[in-house]
N, C-alpha and C. Protein backbone atom coordinates (compact mmCIF):
# COMPACT_ATOMS: atom_id res chain seq x y z
N MET A 1 18.59 -9.41 -50.94
CA MET A 1 18.40 -8.06 -50.46
C MET A 1 17.08 -7.95 -49.68
N THR A 2 16.01 -8.56 -50.20
CA THR A 2 14.72 -8.53 -49.54
C THR A 2 14.76 -9.28 -48.22
N ALA A 3 15.50 -10.37 -48.18
CA ALA A 3 15.63 -11.15 -46.94
C ALA A 3 16.30 -10.34 -45.85
N ILE A 4 17.31 -9.57 -46.19
CA ILE A 4 18.01 -8.74 -45.20
C ILE A 4 17.07 -7.67 -44.66
N ALA A 5 16.29 -7.05 -45.52
CA ALA A 5 15.32 -6.03 -45.10
C ALA A 5 14.28 -6.65 -44.18
N LEU A 6 13.81 -7.84 -44.53
CA LEU A 6 12.81 -8.52 -43.72
C LEU A 6 13.37 -8.89 -42.35
N ILE A 7 14.58 -9.39 -42.30
CA ILE A 7 15.23 -9.73 -41.03
C ILE A 7 15.41 -8.48 -40.18
N THR A 8 15.81 -7.38 -40.80
CA THR A 8 16.00 -6.12 -40.08
C THR A 8 14.68 -5.62 -39.49
N ILE A 9 13.61 -5.69 -40.25
CA ILE A 9 12.30 -5.24 -39.77
C ILE A 9 11.82 -6.11 -38.61
N VAL A 10 11.97 -7.41 -38.72
CA VAL A 10 11.56 -8.32 -37.65
C VAL A 10 12.40 -8.08 -36.40
N ALA A 11 13.69 -7.82 -36.54
CA ALA A 11 14.55 -7.54 -35.40
C ALA A 11 14.13 -6.24 -34.71
N LEU A 12 13.84 -5.20 -35.49
CA LEU A 12 13.39 -3.94 -34.91
C LEU A 12 12.06 -4.11 -34.19
N LEU A 13 11.18 -4.89 -34.76
CA LEU A 13 9.89 -5.17 -34.13
C LEU A 13 10.09 -5.92 -32.81
N ALA A 14 10.98 -6.88 -32.78
CA ALA A 14 11.27 -7.63 -31.56
C ALA A 14 11.83 -6.71 -30.48
N VAL A 15 12.72 -5.80 -30.84
CA VAL A 15 13.28 -4.85 -29.89
C VAL A 15 12.18 -3.95 -29.33
N ALA A 16 11.30 -3.47 -30.19
CA ALA A 16 10.21 -2.60 -29.76
C ALA A 16 9.27 -3.31 -28.80
N ILE A 17 8.94 -4.56 -29.09
CA ILE A 17 8.06 -5.33 -28.22
C ILE A 17 8.73 -5.58 -26.87
N THR A 18 10.00 -5.93 -26.89
CA THR A 18 10.74 -6.18 -25.64
C THR A 18 10.76 -4.93 -24.78
N ARG A 19 11.03 -3.79 -25.39
CA ARG A 19 11.08 -2.52 -24.65
C ARG A 19 9.71 -2.19 -24.07
N SER A 20 8.67 -2.45 -24.81
CA SER A 20 7.31 -2.20 -24.34
C SER A 20 6.98 -3.06 -23.12
N VAL A 21 7.37 -4.32 -23.14
CA VAL A 21 7.13 -5.22 -22.01
C VAL A 21 7.93 -4.77 -20.79
N GLU A 22 9.18 -4.35 -21.00
CA GLU A 22 10.01 -3.87 -19.89
C GLU A 22 9.39 -2.64 -19.23
N LEU A 23 8.90 -1.70 -20.04
CA LEU A 23 8.27 -0.49 -19.50
C LEU A 23 7.01 -0.83 -18.73
N GLY A 24 6.24 -1.79 -19.23
CA GLY A 24 5.03 -2.22 -18.55
C GLY A 24 5.34 -2.84 -17.20
N ALA A 25 6.36 -3.67 -17.13
CA ALA A 25 6.75 -4.30 -15.88
C ALA A 25 7.25 -3.26 -14.88
N GLU A 26 8.01 -2.29 -15.35
CA GLU A 26 8.52 -1.23 -14.47
C GLU A 26 7.37 -0.38 -13.94
N SER A 27 6.40 -0.12 -14.78
CA SER A 27 5.24 0.67 -14.37
C SER A 27 4.45 -0.05 -13.28
N VAL A 28 4.25 -1.35 -13.42
CA VAL A 28 3.54 -2.13 -12.41
C VAL A 28 4.32 -2.14 -11.10
N SER A 29 5.63 -2.28 -11.18
CA SER A 29 6.46 -2.29 -9.96
C SER A 29 6.36 -0.96 -9.23
N LEU A 30 6.40 0.14 -9.97
CA LEU A 30 6.30 1.46 -9.35
C LEU A 30 4.92 1.66 -8.73
N GLU A 31 3.90 1.14 -9.38
CA GLU A 31 2.55 1.24 -8.83
C GLU A 31 2.44 0.49 -7.50
N ILE A 32 3.07 -0.67 -7.42
CA ILE A 32 3.05 -1.46 -6.18
C ILE A 32 3.78 -0.71 -5.07
N VAL A 33 4.95 -0.15 -5.37
CA VAL A 33 5.71 0.61 -4.35
C VAL A 33 4.91 1.83 -3.91
N SER A 34 4.23 2.49 -4.84
CA SER A 34 3.42 3.66 -4.49
C SER A 34 2.25 3.27 -3.59
N GLN A 35 1.62 2.15 -3.88
CA GLN A 35 0.51 1.69 -3.04
C GLN A 35 1.00 1.34 -1.64
N ARG A 36 2.17 0.73 -1.55
CA ARG A 36 2.74 0.42 -0.24
C ARG A 36 3.02 1.69 0.55
N ALA A 37 3.51 2.73 -0.13
CA ALA A 37 3.76 4.01 0.54
C ALA A 37 2.46 4.61 1.06
N SER A 38 1.40 4.47 0.29
CA SER A 38 0.08 4.94 0.72
C SER A 38 -0.39 4.17 1.95
N PHE A 39 -0.20 2.84 1.93
CA PHE A 39 -0.57 2.02 3.09
C PHE A 39 0.26 2.40 4.31
N ALA A 40 1.55 2.68 4.13
CA ALA A 40 2.41 3.06 5.24
C ALA A 40 1.95 4.39 5.84
N ALA A 41 1.60 5.36 4.99
CA ALA A 41 1.11 6.65 5.48
C ALA A 41 -0.20 6.49 6.25
N THR A 42 -1.10 5.68 5.72
CA THR A 42 -2.38 5.44 6.39
C THR A 42 -2.18 4.72 7.71
N SER A 43 -1.31 3.72 7.73
CA SER A 43 -1.04 2.99 8.97
C SER A 43 -0.41 3.89 10.01
N GLY A 44 0.51 4.75 9.58
CA GLY A 44 1.13 5.70 10.51
C GLY A 44 0.10 6.63 11.12
N ALA A 45 -0.83 7.13 10.31
CA ALA A 45 -1.88 8.01 10.82
C ALA A 45 -2.79 7.28 11.80
N GLN A 46 -3.12 6.03 11.48
CA GLN A 46 -3.99 5.26 12.37
C GLN A 46 -3.31 4.97 13.71
N LEU A 47 -2.04 4.60 13.67
CA LEU A 47 -1.31 4.35 14.92
C LEU A 47 -1.18 5.63 15.75
N ALA A 48 -0.94 6.76 15.07
CA ALA A 48 -0.83 8.03 15.79
C ALA A 48 -2.17 8.42 16.41
N LEU A 49 -3.27 8.19 15.69
CA LEU A 49 -4.59 8.47 16.26
C LEU A 49 -4.84 7.62 17.50
N ASN A 50 -4.37 6.39 17.48
CA ASN A 50 -4.52 5.51 18.64
C ASN A 50 -3.73 6.04 19.84
N ARG A 51 -2.66 6.78 19.58
CA ARG A 51 -1.89 7.37 20.68
C ARG A 51 -2.54 8.67 21.16
N VAL A 52 -3.13 9.42 20.22
CA VAL A 52 -3.80 10.67 20.60
C VAL A 52 -5.07 10.36 21.40
N PHE A 53 -5.84 9.40 20.95
CA PHE A 53 -7.05 8.98 21.64
C PHE A 53 -6.81 7.60 22.26
N ALA A 54 -5.87 7.54 23.17
CA ALA A 54 -5.41 6.27 23.73
C ALA A 54 -6.50 5.58 24.54
N PRO A 55 -6.66 4.28 24.33
CA PRO A 55 -7.63 3.52 25.13
C PRO A 55 -7.31 3.56 26.62
N SER A 56 -6.03 3.70 26.96
CA SER A 56 -5.63 3.74 28.37
C SER A 56 -5.95 5.08 29.01
N GLY A 57 -6.26 6.08 28.20
CA GLY A 57 -6.59 7.39 28.74
C GLY A 57 -5.43 8.37 28.74
N THR A 58 -4.21 7.91 28.49
CA THR A 58 -3.03 8.76 28.47
C THR A 58 -2.74 9.16 27.02
N SER A 59 -3.15 10.36 26.66
CA SER A 59 -3.00 10.82 25.28
C SER A 59 -1.60 11.37 25.04
N THR A 60 -1.10 11.16 23.84
CA THR A 60 0.21 11.68 23.43
C THR A 60 0.10 12.23 22.02
N CYS A 61 0.44 13.51 21.88
CA CYS A 61 0.48 14.13 20.55
C CYS A 61 1.93 14.56 20.34
N SER A 62 2.67 13.69 19.66
CA SER A 62 4.09 13.98 19.42
C SER A 62 4.51 13.45 18.06
N ASP A 63 5.59 14.01 17.55
CA ASP A 63 6.13 13.54 16.27
C ASP A 63 6.78 12.18 16.48
N GLN A 64 6.65 11.31 15.49
CA GLN A 64 7.22 9.97 15.62
C GLN A 64 7.50 9.36 14.25
N THR A 65 8.44 8.46 14.23
CA THR A 65 8.76 7.70 13.02
C THR A 65 8.49 6.24 13.30
N MET A 66 7.75 5.61 12.41
CA MET A 66 7.40 4.20 12.56
C MET A 66 8.02 3.41 11.42
N ASN A 67 8.74 2.37 11.77
CA ASN A 67 9.40 1.54 10.77
C ASN A 67 8.59 0.25 10.60
N PHE A 68 8.15 -0.01 9.38
CA PHE A 68 7.33 -1.18 9.09
C PHE A 68 8.12 -2.29 8.41
N ALA A 69 9.44 -2.22 8.45
CA ALA A 69 10.28 -3.19 7.73
C ALA A 69 10.03 -4.63 8.17
N SER A 70 9.62 -4.83 9.41
CA SER A 70 9.41 -6.20 9.90
C SER A 70 8.06 -6.78 9.46
N LEU A 71 7.20 -5.94 8.88
CA LEU A 71 5.90 -6.43 8.40
C LEU A 71 6.03 -6.97 6.99
N ALA A 72 5.43 -8.11 6.74
CA ALA A 72 5.55 -8.75 5.43
C ALA A 72 4.97 -7.89 4.30
N GLY A 73 3.92 -7.15 4.56
CA GLY A 73 3.28 -6.37 3.51
C GLY A 73 3.92 -5.03 3.22
N LEU A 74 4.76 -4.54 4.13
CA LEU A 74 5.38 -3.23 3.95
C LEU A 74 6.90 -3.28 4.13
N PRO A 75 7.59 -4.10 3.33
CA PRO A 75 9.04 -4.15 3.48
C PRO A 75 9.68 -2.84 3.03
N ALA A 76 10.70 -2.41 3.75
CA ALA A 76 11.44 -1.18 3.44
C ALA A 76 10.53 0.05 3.43
N CYS A 77 9.54 0.06 4.35
CA CYS A 77 8.63 1.20 4.43
C CYS A 77 8.67 1.81 5.83
N GLU A 78 8.40 3.10 5.88
CA GLU A 78 8.31 3.79 7.15
C GLU A 78 7.29 4.92 7.03
N ALA A 79 6.83 5.39 8.18
CA ALA A 79 5.92 6.54 8.22
C ALA A 79 6.47 7.53 9.23
N ARG A 80 6.52 8.78 8.83
CA ARG A 80 6.91 9.86 9.73
C ARG A 80 5.66 10.69 9.99
N VAL A 81 5.28 10.77 11.24
CA VAL A 81 4.04 11.44 11.61
C VAL A 81 4.34 12.67 12.46
N THR A 82 3.75 13.79 12.06
CA THR A 82 3.82 14.99 12.89
C THR A 82 2.43 15.26 13.45
N CYS A 83 2.38 15.64 14.71
CA CYS A 83 1.11 15.87 15.39
C CYS A 83 1.13 17.28 15.97
N THR A 84 0.09 18.04 15.69
CA THR A 84 -0.05 19.36 16.30
C THR A 84 -1.41 19.43 16.97
N ALA A 85 -1.43 20.03 18.15
CA ALA A 85 -2.67 20.19 18.90
C ALA A 85 -2.99 21.67 19.00
N GLN A 86 -4.27 21.96 18.94
CA GLN A 86 -4.74 23.33 18.98
C GLN A 86 -6.03 23.34 19.78
N VAL A 87 -6.19 24.31 20.67
CA VAL A 87 -7.42 24.42 21.45
C VAL A 87 -8.21 25.60 20.92
N ILE A 88 -9.46 25.32 20.53
CA ILE A 88 -10.35 26.36 20.03
C ILE A 88 -11.64 26.29 20.84
N ASP A 89 -11.98 27.39 21.47
CA ASP A 89 -13.16 27.45 22.33
C ASP A 89 -13.16 26.35 23.38
N GLY A 90 -11.99 26.08 23.94
CA GLY A 90 -11.86 25.09 24.99
C GLY A 90 -11.88 23.64 24.52
N LYS A 91 -11.90 23.43 23.23
CA LYS A 91 -11.97 22.06 22.69
C LYS A 91 -10.68 21.76 21.92
N PRO A 92 -10.03 20.62 22.20
CA PRO A 92 -8.78 20.30 21.50
C PRO A 92 -9.03 19.79 20.07
N TYR A 93 -8.20 20.26 19.16
CA TYR A 93 -8.23 19.81 17.77
C TYR A 93 -6.83 19.31 17.41
N TYR A 94 -6.74 18.16 16.78
CA TYR A 94 -5.46 17.56 16.43
C TYR A 94 -5.33 17.47 14.91
N THR A 95 -4.13 17.78 14.43
CA THR A 95 -3.82 17.60 13.01
C THR A 95 -2.64 16.66 12.92
N LEU A 96 -2.83 15.56 12.22
CA LEU A 96 -1.77 14.57 12.02
C LEU A 96 -1.40 14.55 10.55
N VAL A 97 -0.12 14.68 10.27
CA VAL A 97 0.38 14.57 8.90
C VAL A 97 1.30 13.35 8.88
N SER A 98 0.93 12.35 8.10
CA SER A 98 1.69 11.12 8.02
C SER A 98 2.29 10.98 6.63
N ASP A 99 3.61 10.93 6.57
CA ASP A 99 4.32 10.75 5.30
C ASP A 99 4.84 9.32 5.24
N GLY A 100 4.28 8.52 4.35
CA GLY A 100 4.73 7.14 4.16
C GLY A 100 5.75 7.09 3.03
N ARG A 101 6.81 6.33 3.26
CA ARG A 101 7.87 6.22 2.25
C ARG A 101 8.30 4.77 2.14
N CYS A 102 8.44 4.29 0.90
CA CYS A 102 8.88 2.92 0.66
C CYS A 102 9.97 2.91 -0.40
N ASP A 103 10.93 2.01 -0.23
CA ASP A 103 12.01 1.81 -1.19
C ASP A 103 11.92 0.39 -1.72
N ALA A 104 12.25 0.24 -2.99
CA ALA A 104 12.33 -1.09 -3.60
C ALA A 104 13.38 -1.03 -4.70
N GLY A 105 14.58 -1.46 -4.37
CA GLY A 105 15.67 -1.39 -5.35
C GLY A 105 15.97 0.05 -5.70
N ASN A 106 15.87 0.39 -6.96
CA ASN A 106 16.14 1.76 -7.38
C ASN A 106 14.87 2.61 -7.42
N MET A 107 13.75 2.07 -6.97
CA MET A 107 12.49 2.82 -6.94
C MET A 107 12.18 3.30 -5.54
N GLN A 108 11.59 4.47 -5.46
CA GLN A 108 11.20 5.04 -4.18
C GLN A 108 9.89 5.79 -4.38
N SER A 109 9.01 5.69 -3.40
CA SER A 109 7.74 6.39 -3.49
C SER A 109 7.38 6.97 -2.14
N GLN A 110 6.68 8.10 -2.16
CA GLN A 110 6.25 8.75 -0.93
C GLN A 110 4.82 9.23 -1.10
N ARG A 111 4.02 9.00 -0.09
CA ARG A 111 2.63 9.44 -0.08
C ARG A 111 2.34 10.07 1.28
N SER A 112 1.41 11.02 1.30
CA SER A 112 1.05 11.72 2.53
C SER A 112 -0.43 11.58 2.81
N VAL A 113 -0.75 11.53 4.11
CA VAL A 113 -2.13 11.51 4.58
C VAL A 113 -2.25 12.56 5.67
N ILE A 114 -3.29 13.38 5.59
CA ILE A 114 -3.55 14.38 6.63
C ILE A 114 -4.86 14.02 7.30
N VAL A 115 -4.83 13.99 8.65
CA VAL A 115 -6.02 13.65 9.42
C VAL A 115 -6.24 14.76 10.43
N LYS A 116 -7.47 15.25 10.48
CA LYS A 116 -7.86 16.24 11.50
C LYS A 116 -8.89 15.56 12.37
N ALA A 117 -8.69 15.67 13.69
CA ALA A 117 -9.57 14.96 14.60
C ALA A 117 -9.81 15.76 15.87
N THR A 118 -10.94 15.48 16.48
CA THR A 118 -11.28 16.07 17.77
C THR A 118 -12.06 15.02 18.55
N PRO A 119 -11.91 15.02 19.88
CA PRO A 119 -12.66 14.02 20.66
C PRO A 119 -14.14 14.33 20.69
């Protein structure tokens, strides 16, 4: 009788430990996907700023979607950037909102970056 109780307790302990390890691994995976979404949002904002303040001199403030799937560090990620321009006292002000989104299997994460800039 004592042996059965001991086996049952050890089995329950093993199940609890296994579940704890699974939750830890899932948490790390979600953290990685979330960080990638943050990187995608930041990259989208940086690319959009490069278009607003173009080195060639031809500025463009428009909404755009950037797909980063071909980049090794951001698989299944994209950034959707909206750009609004406003003139105050004759000076242009730009607001860029970049929403980065990444998918990984059944996990999905989205992060946003807002950038306000003026020349």
